[in-house]
């Protein structure tokens, strides 16, 4: 479902984006900018293919903030089972606003869009993660109602390409 808001005097529409959507190419280009922002080498073709595959396999969903037919931000979500609650949990995976459109309410509108969609779908919770030193993001998330989770640890096992099977039996 699409939502619209007037931000900085401009109509901004947040809409789900699939590979068939008119805005998909712009989202893919902005997604490549997002990756570069976080230190990854830009690769428009690989980014587009990856994003298209993730959407086709329904591993993520993407919503874009669009102003005058120009994509100025996006948010991605993944839905996972919340087995103990016998429900679903939504996880915000990526949120990015073009630097020229920051501080205009777009990120907050994208976040609220996801919260509203998750609530309408009956989700148990919406979660996200960010770096401890990302103070602007943490402030925004708190403003929308997100709260830090204590008592949990984040664990990762990084698998290198062509990773050989590791012995995890102890």
N, C-alpha and C. Protein backbone atom coordinates (compact mmCIF):
# COMPACT_ATOMS: atom_id res chain seq x y z
N UNK A 1 0.84 -1.16 0.00
CA UNK A 1 0.00 0.00 0.00
C UNK A 1 0.90 1.24 0.00
N UNK A 2 0.52 2.23 -0.74
CA UNK A 2 1.25 3.49 -0.82
C UNK A 2 0.71 4.47 0.22
N UNK A 3 1.60 5.32 0.71
CA UNK A 3 1.21 6.40 1.61
C UNK A 3 1.83 7.68 1.08
N UNK A 4 1.22 8.80 1.39
CA UNK A 4 1.73 10.08 0.94
C UNK A 4 1.77 11.06 2.10
N UNK A 5 2.73 11.99 2.02
CA UNK A 5 2.87 13.03 3.03
C UNK A 5 3.48 14.26 2.37
N UNK A 6 3.18 15.41 2.91
CA UNK A 6 3.82 16.65 2.46
C UNK A 6 5.04 16.87 3.36
N UNK A 7 6.23 16.81 2.79
CA UNK A 7 7.48 17.00 3.52
C UNK A 7 8.26 18.11 2.86
N UNK A 8 8.68 19.09 3.61
CA UNK A 8 9.38 20.25 3.06
C UNK A 8 8.60 20.88 1.91
N UNK A 9 7.27 20.88 2.04
CA UNK A 9 6.42 21.48 1.02
C UNK A 9 6.27 20.66 -0.24
N UNK A 10 6.78 19.43 -0.26
CA UNK A 10 6.70 18.58 -1.46
C UNK A 10 5.94 17.31 -1.15
N UNK A 11 5.10 16.91 -2.09
CA UNK A 11 4.38 15.65 -1.94
C UNK A 11 5.38 14.51 -2.06
N UNK A 12 5.42 13.66 -1.04
CA UNK A 12 6.30 12.51 -1.02
C UNK A 12 5.43 11.27 -0.88
N UNK A 13 5.58 10.33 -1.79
CA UNK A 13 4.82 9.10 -1.76
C UNK A 13 5.76 7.96 -1.42
N UNK A 14 5.35 7.12 -0.49
CA UNK A 14 6.10 5.91 -0.17
C UNK A 14 5.32 4.75 -0.76
N UNK A 15 5.99 4.00 -1.64
CA UNK A 15 5.32 2.92 -2.35
C UNK A 15 6.19 1.68 -2.39
N UNK A 16 5.56 0.50 -2.34
CA UNK A 16 6.32 -0.73 -2.51
C UNK A 16 6.91 -0.77 -3.92
N UNK A 17 8.12 -1.31 -4.02
CA UNK A 17 8.80 -1.37 -5.32
C UNK A 17 9.18 -2.82 -5.62
N UNK A 18 8.83 -3.26 -6.80
CA UNK A 18 9.23 -4.57 -7.32
C UNK A 18 10.06 -4.32 -8.57
N UNK A 19 10.69 -5.37 -9.11
CA UNK A 19 11.46 -5.16 -10.34
C UNK A 19 10.61 -4.63 -11.51
N UNK A 20 9.31 -4.83 -11.48
CA UNK A 20 8.44 -4.34 -12.55
C UNK A 20 8.02 -2.87 -12.36
N UNK A 21 8.29 -2.31 -11.19
CA UNK A 21 7.87 -0.94 -10.88
C UNK A 21 8.72 0.06 -11.67
N UNK A 22 8.09 1.16 -12.08
CA UNK A 22 8.80 2.21 -12.84
C UNK A 22 10.01 2.75 -12.09
N UNK A 23 9.97 2.73 -10.76
CA UNK A 23 11.05 3.31 -9.96
C UNK A 23 12.17 2.32 -9.64
N UNK A 24 12.06 1.06 -10.08
CA UNK A 24 13.05 0.06 -9.69
C UNK A 24 14.47 0.45 -10.07
N UNK A 25 14.67 0.95 -11.27
CA UNK A 25 16.04 1.30 -11.71
C UNK A 25 16.63 2.40 -10.82
N UNK A 26 15.80 3.36 -10.43
CA UNK A 26 16.27 4.42 -9.55
C UNK A 26 16.60 3.87 -8.15
N UNK A 27 15.77 2.95 -7.66
CA UNK A 27 16.04 2.34 -6.36
C UNK A 27 17.35 1.57 -6.42
N UNK A 28 17.56 0.81 -7.49
CA UNK A 28 18.80 0.04 -7.61
C UNK A 28 20.01 0.96 -7.64
N UNK A 29 19.92 2.07 -8.35
CA UNK A 29 21.04 3.02 -8.40
C UNK A 29 21.29 3.63 -7.01
N UNK A 30 20.22 3.99 -6.30
CA UNK A 30 20.38 4.56 -4.96
C UNK A 30 20.91 3.50 -4.00
N UNK A 31 20.50 2.25 -4.18
CA UNK A 31 21.01 1.16 -3.36
C UNK A 31 22.51 1.00 -3.57
N UNK A 32 22.98 1.17 -4.79
CA UNK A 32 24.42 1.11 -5.05
C UNK A 32 25.14 2.27 -4.36
N UNK A 33 24.53 3.45 -4.37
CA UNK A 33 25.10 4.60 -3.64
C UNK A 33 25.17 4.29 -2.14
N UNK A 34 24.14 3.66 -1.61
CA UNK A 34 24.09 3.28 -0.20
C UNK A 34 25.25 2.34 0.14
N UNK A 35 25.47 1.35 -0.71
CA UNK A 35 26.58 0.41 -0.48
C UNK A 35 27.91 1.15 -0.49
N UNK A 36 28.08 2.06 -1.45
CA UNK A 36 29.33 2.84 -1.53
C UNK A 36 29.50 3.72 -0.30
N UNK A 37 28.40 4.27 0.19
CA UNK A 37 28.43 5.09 1.40
C UNK A 37 29.03 4.32 2.58
N UNK A 38 28.78 3.02 2.62
CA UNK A 38 29.29 2.17 3.69
C UNK A 38 30.57 1.43 3.30
N UNK A 39 31.27 1.94 2.29
CA UNK A 39 32.60 1.43 1.98
C UNK A 39 32.68 0.27 1.01
N UNK A 40 31.57 -0.12 0.42
CA UNK A 40 31.61 -1.21 -0.56
C UNK A 40 31.91 -0.64 -1.95
N UNK A 41 32.63 -1.38 -2.77
CA UNK A 41 32.91 -0.86 -4.11
C UNK A 41 31.62 -0.78 -4.93
N UNK A 42 31.40 0.35 -5.60
CA UNK A 42 30.19 0.47 -6.40
C UNK A 42 30.17 -0.55 -7.53
N UNK A 43 29.01 -1.07 -7.81
CA UNK A 43 28.83 -2.01 -8.91
C UNK A 43 27.35 -2.00 -9.29
N UNK A 44 26.98 -1.09 -10.15
CA UNK A 44 25.58 -0.90 -10.50
C UNK A 44 24.94 -2.19 -11.01
N UNK A 45 25.63 -2.89 -11.88
CA UNK A 45 25.06 -4.11 -12.47
C UNK A 45 24.88 -5.21 -11.43
N UNK A 46 25.89 -5.43 -10.59
CA UNK A 46 25.78 -6.47 -9.55
C UNK A 46 24.72 -6.10 -8.52
N UNK A 47 24.67 -4.82 -8.14
CA UNK A 47 23.69 -4.37 -7.16
C UNK A 47 22.28 -4.57 -7.70
N UNK A 48 22.06 -4.18 -8.94
CA UNK A 48 20.75 -4.33 -9.56
C UNK A 48 20.33 -5.80 -9.59
N UNK A 49 21.25 -6.67 -10.01
CA UNK A 49 20.96 -8.11 -10.10
C UNK A 49 20.67 -8.69 -8.72
N UNK A 50 21.47 -8.30 -7.73
CA UNK A 50 21.26 -8.80 -6.38
C UNK A 50 19.90 -8.37 -5.85
N UNK A 51 19.59 -7.10 -6.00
CA UNK A 51 18.32 -6.57 -5.52
C UNK A 51 17.15 -7.25 -6.21
N UNK A 52 17.26 -7.42 -7.51
CA UNK A 52 16.21 -8.09 -8.26
C UNK A 52 16.01 -9.53 -7.76
N UNK A 53 17.10 -10.23 -7.50
CA UNK A 53 17.02 -11.61 -7.01
C UNK A 53 16.38 -11.66 -5.61
N UNK A 54 16.78 -10.76 -4.73
CA UNK A 54 16.21 -10.74 -3.37
C UNK A 54 14.71 -10.50 -3.41
N UNK A 55 14.28 -9.60 -4.27
CA UNK A 55 12.86 -9.31 -4.41
C UNK A 55 12.12 -10.49 -5.05
N UNK A 56 12.71 -11.08 -6.07
CA UNK A 56 12.08 -12.21 -6.75
C UNK A 56 11.90 -13.40 -5.81
N UNK A 57 12.87 -13.62 -4.93
CA UNK A 57 12.81 -14.73 -3.98
C UNK A 57 12.04 -14.36 -2.71
N UNK A 58 11.55 -13.12 -2.66
CA UNK A 58 10.79 -12.61 -1.51
C UNK A 58 11.58 -12.69 -0.20
N UNK A 59 12.89 -12.51 -0.33
CA UNK A 59 13.74 -12.46 0.87
C UNK A 59 13.64 -11.10 1.54
N UNK A 60 13.40 -10.05 0.74
CA UNK A 60 13.20 -8.71 1.26
C UNK A 60 12.06 -8.06 0.50
N UNK A 61 11.56 -6.99 1.09
CA UNK A 61 10.62 -6.11 0.41
C UNK A 61 11.24 -4.72 0.43
N UNK A 62 10.94 -3.92 -0.58
CA UNK A 62 11.49 -2.57 -0.68
C UNK A 62 10.34 -1.58 -0.82
N UNK A 63 10.46 -0.48 -0.10
CA UNK A 63 9.55 0.66 -0.30
C UNK A 63 10.43 1.86 -0.59
N UNK A 64 9.98 2.71 -1.49
CA UNK A 64 10.75 3.88 -1.89
C UNK A 64 9.97 5.15 -1.61
N UNK A 65 10.70 6.19 -1.24
CA UNK A 65 10.12 7.52 -1.10
C UNK A 65 10.33 8.22 -2.43
N UNK A 66 9.24 8.67 -3.03
CA UNK A 66 9.28 9.24 -4.38
C UNK A 66 8.70 10.65 -4.34
N UNK A 67 9.49 11.59 -4.92
CA UNK A 67 9.07 12.98 -5.06
C UNK A 67 9.20 13.36 -6.52
N UNK A 68 8.13 13.82 -7.10
CA UNK A 68 8.14 14.26 -8.50
C UNK A 68 8.85 13.23 -9.39
N UNK A 69 8.45 11.96 -9.22
CA UNK A 69 8.98 10.84 -10.01
C UNK A 69 10.46 10.58 -9.78
N UNK A 70 11.01 11.09 -8.68
CA UNK A 70 12.42 10.87 -8.34
C UNK A 70 12.51 10.13 -7.01
N UNK A 71 13.21 9.00 -6.99
CA UNK A 71 13.40 8.23 -5.76
C UNK A 71 14.44 8.96 -4.91
N UNK A 72 14.05 9.30 -3.69
CA UNK A 72 14.97 10.02 -2.81
C UNK A 72 15.33 9.24 -1.56
N UNK A 73 14.78 8.04 -1.40
CA UNK A 73 15.12 7.19 -0.27
C UNK A 73 14.45 5.84 -0.40
N UNK A 74 14.94 4.88 0.37
CA UNK A 74 14.33 3.55 0.36
C UNK A 74 14.51 2.90 1.72
N UNK A 75 13.71 1.86 1.94
CA UNK A 75 13.80 1.03 3.14
C UNK A 75 13.54 -0.40 2.72
N UNK A 76 14.31 -1.33 3.29
CA UNK A 76 14.08 -2.75 3.00
C UNK A 76 13.70 -3.45 4.29
N UNK A 77 12.85 -4.45 4.15
CA UNK A 77 12.42 -5.25 5.29
C UNK A 77 12.45 -6.73 4.94
N UNK A 78 12.62 -7.52 5.98
CA UNK A 78 12.51 -8.97 5.87
C UNK A 78 11.52 -9.42 6.93
N UNK A 79 10.70 -10.38 6.59
CA UNK A 79 9.72 -10.90 7.53
C UNK A 79 10.17 -12.31 7.92
N UNK A 80 10.24 -12.54 9.22
CA UNK A 80 10.66 -13.84 9.72
C UNK A 80 9.65 -14.36 10.72
N UNK A 81 9.60 -15.68 10.88
CA UNK A 81 8.69 -16.23 11.88
C UNK A 81 9.12 -15.83 13.29
N UNK A 82 8.16 -15.51 14.12
CA UNK A 82 8.39 -15.28 15.55
C UNK A 82 7.82 -16.52 16.23
N UNK A 83 8.61 -17.57 16.26
CA UNK A 83 8.11 -18.90 16.62
C UNK A 83 7.53 -18.96 18.03
N UNK A 84 8.14 -18.33 18.99
CA UNK A 84 7.61 -18.41 20.35
C UNK A 84 6.26 -17.73 20.47
N UNK A 85 6.04 -16.70 19.67
CA UNK A 85 4.77 -15.97 19.70
C UNK A 85 3.78 -16.50 18.66
N UNK A 86 4.23 -17.48 17.87
CA UNK A 86 3.42 -18.02 16.78
C UNK A 86 2.90 -16.91 15.88
N UNK A 87 3.81 -16.03 15.53
CA UNK A 87 3.47 -14.89 14.69
C UNK A 87 4.62 -14.55 13.77
N UNK A 88 4.73 -13.30 13.42
CA UNK A 88 5.77 -12.82 12.52
C UNK A 88 6.46 -11.60 13.11
N UNK A 89 7.72 -11.46 12.75
CA UNK A 89 8.50 -10.29 13.14
C UNK A 89 9.05 -9.65 11.88
N UNK A 90 9.02 -8.36 11.82
CA UNK A 90 9.57 -7.62 10.70
C UNK A 90 10.91 -7.06 11.11
N UNK A 91 11.86 -7.14 10.22
CA UNK A 91 13.19 -6.61 10.46
C UNK A 91 13.54 -5.61 9.37
N UNK A 92 13.83 -4.40 9.80
CA UNK A 92 14.30 -3.39 8.84
C UNK A 92 15.77 -3.68 8.59
N UNK A 93 16.11 -3.92 7.35
CA UNK A 93 17.47 -4.29 6.99
C UNK A 93 18.29 -3.10 6.52
N UNK A 94 17.67 -2.23 5.75
CA UNK A 94 18.38 -1.09 5.16
C UNK A 94 17.45 0.11 5.15
N UNK A 95 18.03 1.28 5.41
CA UNK A 95 17.31 2.54 5.31
C UNK A 95 18.31 3.56 4.81
N UNK A 96 17.97 4.22 3.70
CA UNK A 96 18.91 5.19 3.13
C UNK A 96 18.13 6.31 2.45
N UNK A 97 18.61 7.53 2.67
CA UNK A 97 18.04 8.70 2.03
C UNK A 97 19.16 9.40 1.27
N UNK A 98 18.87 9.78 0.04
CA UNK A 98 19.84 10.52 -0.77
C UNK A 98 20.31 11.73 0.03
N UNK A 99 21.63 11.99 0.07
CA UNK A 99 22.14 13.11 0.88
C UNK A 99 21.47 14.45 0.59
N UNK A 100 21.01 14.68 -0.64
CA UNK A 100 20.35 15.94 -0.98
C UNK A 100 18.96 16.08 -0.36
N UNK A 101 18.41 14.98 0.15
CA UNK A 101 17.05 14.99 0.69
C UNK A 101 17.01 14.70 2.19
N UNK A 102 18.17 14.66 2.82
CA UNK A 102 18.20 14.37 4.25
C UNK A 102 17.67 15.53 5.07
N UNK A 103 17.24 15.21 6.28
CA UNK A 103 16.71 16.19 7.24
C UNK A 103 15.40 16.82 6.74
N UNK A 104 14.69 16.04 5.91
CA UNK A 104 13.42 16.56 5.40
C UNK A 104 12.24 15.71 5.85
N UNK A 105 12.49 14.69 6.67
CA UNK A 105 11.41 13.84 7.15
C UNK A 105 11.23 12.55 6.37
N UNK A 106 12.04 12.33 5.35
CA UNK A 106 11.88 11.14 4.51
C UNK A 106 12.17 9.87 5.29
N UNK A 107 13.27 9.82 6.04
CA UNK A 107 13.60 8.61 6.79
C UNK A 107 12.50 8.27 7.80
N UNK A 108 12.01 9.28 8.48
CA UNK A 108 10.94 9.05 9.46
C UNK A 108 9.68 8.54 8.76
N UNK A 109 9.37 9.10 7.60
CA UNK A 109 8.19 8.66 6.85
C UNK A 109 8.36 7.22 6.38
N UNK A 110 9.55 6.84 5.93
CA UNK A 110 9.81 5.45 5.53
C UNK A 110 9.66 4.51 6.72
N UNK A 111 10.22 4.89 7.86
CA UNK A 111 10.09 4.07 9.06
C UNK A 111 8.62 3.91 9.46
N UNK A 112 7.89 5.01 9.46
CA UNK A 112 6.48 4.95 9.86
C UNK A 112 5.68 4.09 8.89
N UNK A 113 6.03 4.16 7.61
CA UNK A 113 5.36 3.32 6.61
C UNK A 113 5.52 1.84 6.97
N UNK A 114 6.75 1.43 7.30
CA UNK A 114 7.00 0.03 7.65
C UNK A 114 6.26 -0.35 8.92
N UNK A 115 6.29 0.50 9.93
CA UNK A 115 5.59 0.22 11.19
C UNK A 115 4.09 0.05 10.92
N UNK A 116 3.52 0.94 10.12
CA UNK A 116 2.10 0.85 9.81
C UNK A 116 1.77 -0.44 9.04
N UNK A 117 2.61 -0.79 8.07
CA UNK A 117 2.39 -2.01 7.29
C UNK A 117 2.50 -3.25 8.18
N UNK A 118 3.52 -3.27 9.06
CA UNK A 118 3.70 -4.41 9.95
C UNK A 118 2.51 -4.55 10.90
N UNK A 119 2.06 -3.44 11.44
CA UNK A 119 0.90 -3.46 12.34
C UNK A 119 -0.33 -3.99 11.60
N UNK A 120 -0.56 -3.52 10.38
CA UNK A 120 -1.71 -3.96 9.60
C UNK A 120 -1.62 -5.46 9.27
N UNK A 121 -0.39 -5.97 9.14
CA UNK A 121 -0.20 -7.38 8.83
C UNK A 121 -0.24 -8.26 10.08
N UNK A 122 -0.37 -7.65 11.26
CA UNK A 122 -0.45 -8.41 12.50
C UNK A 122 0.90 -8.86 13.04
N UNK A 123 1.96 -8.19 12.63
CA UNK A 123 3.30 -8.55 13.11
C UNK A 123 3.42 -8.36 14.61
N UNK A 124 4.24 -9.18 15.23
CA UNK A 124 4.48 -9.08 16.67
C UNK A 124 5.40 -7.92 17.01
N UNK A 125 6.41 -7.67 16.14
CA UNK A 125 7.35 -6.59 16.40
C UNK A 125 8.04 -6.18 15.11
N UNK A 126 8.66 -5.00 15.17
CA UNK A 126 9.54 -4.51 14.11
C UNK A 126 10.87 -4.22 14.79
N UNK A 127 11.94 -4.74 14.23
CA UNK A 127 13.26 -4.49 14.83
C UNK A 127 14.21 -3.97 13.77
N UNK A 128 15.30 -3.42 14.25
CA UNK A 128 16.36 -2.95 13.36
C UNK A 128 17.64 -2.91 14.16
N UNK A 129 18.74 -2.74 13.49
CA UNK A 129 20.01 -2.57 14.18
C UNK A 129 20.81 -1.48 13.50
N UNK A 130 21.66 -0.84 14.29
CA UNK A 130 22.53 0.20 13.77
C UNK A 130 23.81 0.20 14.59
N UNK A 131 24.78 0.90 14.11
CA UNK A 131 26.04 1.00 14.83
C UNK A 131 25.85 1.86 16.08
N UNK A 132 26.57 1.54 17.13
CA UNK A 132 26.46 2.25 18.40
C UNK A 132 26.75 3.73 18.24
N UNK A 133 27.69 4.07 17.34
CA UNK A 133 28.08 5.48 17.19
C UNK A 133 27.26 6.25 16.16
N UNK A 134 26.23 5.64 15.62
CA UNK A 134 25.37 6.32 14.65
C UNK A 134 24.28 7.09 15.41
N UNK A 135 24.69 8.17 16.04
CA UNK A 135 23.80 8.94 16.91
C UNK A 135 22.59 9.51 16.16
N UNK A 136 22.76 10.08 14.95
CA UNK A 136 21.56 10.59 14.26
C UNK A 136 20.51 9.49 14.01
N UNK A 137 20.96 8.31 13.60
CA UNK A 137 20.02 7.21 13.36
C UNK A 137 19.36 6.77 14.66
N UNK A 138 20.15 6.64 15.71
CA UNK A 138 19.61 6.22 16.99
C UNK A 138 18.57 7.22 17.50
N UNK A 139 18.82 8.50 17.32
CA UNK A 139 17.86 9.52 17.72
C UNK A 139 16.57 9.41 16.92
N UNK A 140 16.69 9.21 15.64
CA UNK A 140 15.51 9.04 14.78
C UNK A 140 14.70 7.83 15.21
N UNK A 141 15.38 6.70 15.42
CA UNK A 141 14.67 5.48 15.80
C UNK A 141 13.93 5.65 17.12
N UNK A 142 14.56 6.32 18.07
CA UNK A 142 13.92 6.58 19.36
C UNK A 142 12.71 7.49 19.18
N UNK A 143 12.83 8.48 18.30
CA UNK A 143 11.72 9.40 18.03
C UNK A 143 10.51 8.67 17.48
N UNK A 144 10.74 7.64 16.67
CA UNK A 144 9.64 6.87 16.09
C UNK A 144 9.07 5.87 17.10
N UNK A 145 9.83 5.58 18.17
CA UNK A 145 9.33 4.68 19.20
C UNK A 145 10.16 3.42 19.41
N UNK A 146 11.20 3.23 18.62
CA UNK A 146 12.07 2.07 18.81
C UNK A 146 12.87 2.26 20.10
N UNK A 147 13.12 1.16 20.79
CA UNK A 147 13.89 1.20 22.03
C UNK A 147 15.03 0.19 21.96
N UNK A 148 16.17 0.53 22.57
CA UNK A 148 17.28 -0.43 22.59
C UNK A 148 16.87 -1.71 23.31
N UNK A 149 17.43 -2.82 22.88
CA UNK A 149 17.18 -4.11 23.51
C UNK A 149 18.39 -4.44 24.38
N UNK A 150 18.13 -4.75 25.63
CA UNK A 150 19.23 -5.14 26.49
C UNK A 150 19.09 -6.63 26.82
N UNK A 151 20.19 -7.21 27.22
CA UNK A 151 20.16 -8.61 27.60
C UNK A 151 20.38 -9.57 26.45
N UNK A 152 20.63 -9.06 25.27
CA UNK A 152 20.90 -9.92 24.11
C UNK A 152 22.28 -9.60 23.57
N UNK A 153 22.90 -10.56 22.98
CA UNK A 153 24.18 -10.39 22.30
C UNK A 153 23.97 -10.71 20.83
N UNK A 154 24.63 -9.99 19.96
CA UNK A 154 24.61 -10.28 18.53
C UNK A 154 25.83 -11.13 18.22
N UNK A 155 25.61 -12.28 17.62
CA UNK A 155 26.69 -13.18 17.23
C UNK A 155 26.69 -13.31 15.72
N UNK A 156 27.86 -13.36 15.14
CA UNK A 156 28.02 -13.58 13.70
C UNK A 156 29.04 -14.67 13.47
N UNK A 157 28.87 -15.42 12.43
CA UNK A 157 29.86 -16.34 11.92
C UNK A 157 30.05 -15.95 10.47
N UNK A 158 31.14 -15.27 10.17
CA UNK A 158 31.38 -14.79 8.82
C UNK A 158 31.91 -15.94 7.97
N UNK A 159 31.26 -16.14 6.86
CA UNK A 159 31.65 -17.20 5.93
C UNK A 159 32.30 -16.56 4.72
N UNK A 160 33.53 -16.89 4.48
CA UNK A 160 34.24 -16.36 3.32
C UNK A 160 33.74 -17.06 2.07
N UNK A 161 33.86 -16.42 0.91
CA UNK A 161 33.50 -17.11 -0.34
C UNK A 161 34.30 -18.40 -0.46
N UNK A 162 33.65 -19.41 -0.99
CA UNK A 162 34.26 -20.74 -1.14
C UNK A 162 34.72 -21.30 0.20
N UNK A 163 33.98 -20.96 1.25
CA UNK A 163 34.31 -21.41 2.61
C UNK A 163 34.22 -22.92 2.70
N UNK A 164 35.27 -23.53 3.24
CA UNK A 164 35.27 -24.96 3.47
C UNK A 164 34.42 -25.24 4.69
N UNK A 165 33.82 -26.43 4.74
CA UNK A 165 33.03 -26.80 5.91
C UNK A 165 33.89 -26.72 7.15
N UNK A 166 33.40 -26.06 8.17
CA UNK A 166 34.17 -25.96 9.41
C UNK A 166 33.68 -26.99 10.41
N UNK A 167 34.55 -27.35 11.31
CA UNK A 167 34.20 -28.29 12.36
C UNK A 167 33.58 -27.51 13.51
N UNK A 168 32.27 -27.57 13.66
CA UNK A 168 31.60 -26.85 14.74
C UNK A 168 31.19 -27.79 15.86
N UNK A 169 31.64 -29.04 15.77
CA UNK A 169 31.22 -30.01 16.78
C UNK A 169 31.94 -29.81 18.10
N UNK A 170 32.98 -29.02 18.12
CA UNK A 170 33.60 -28.73 19.40
C UNK A 170 34.96 -29.24 19.47
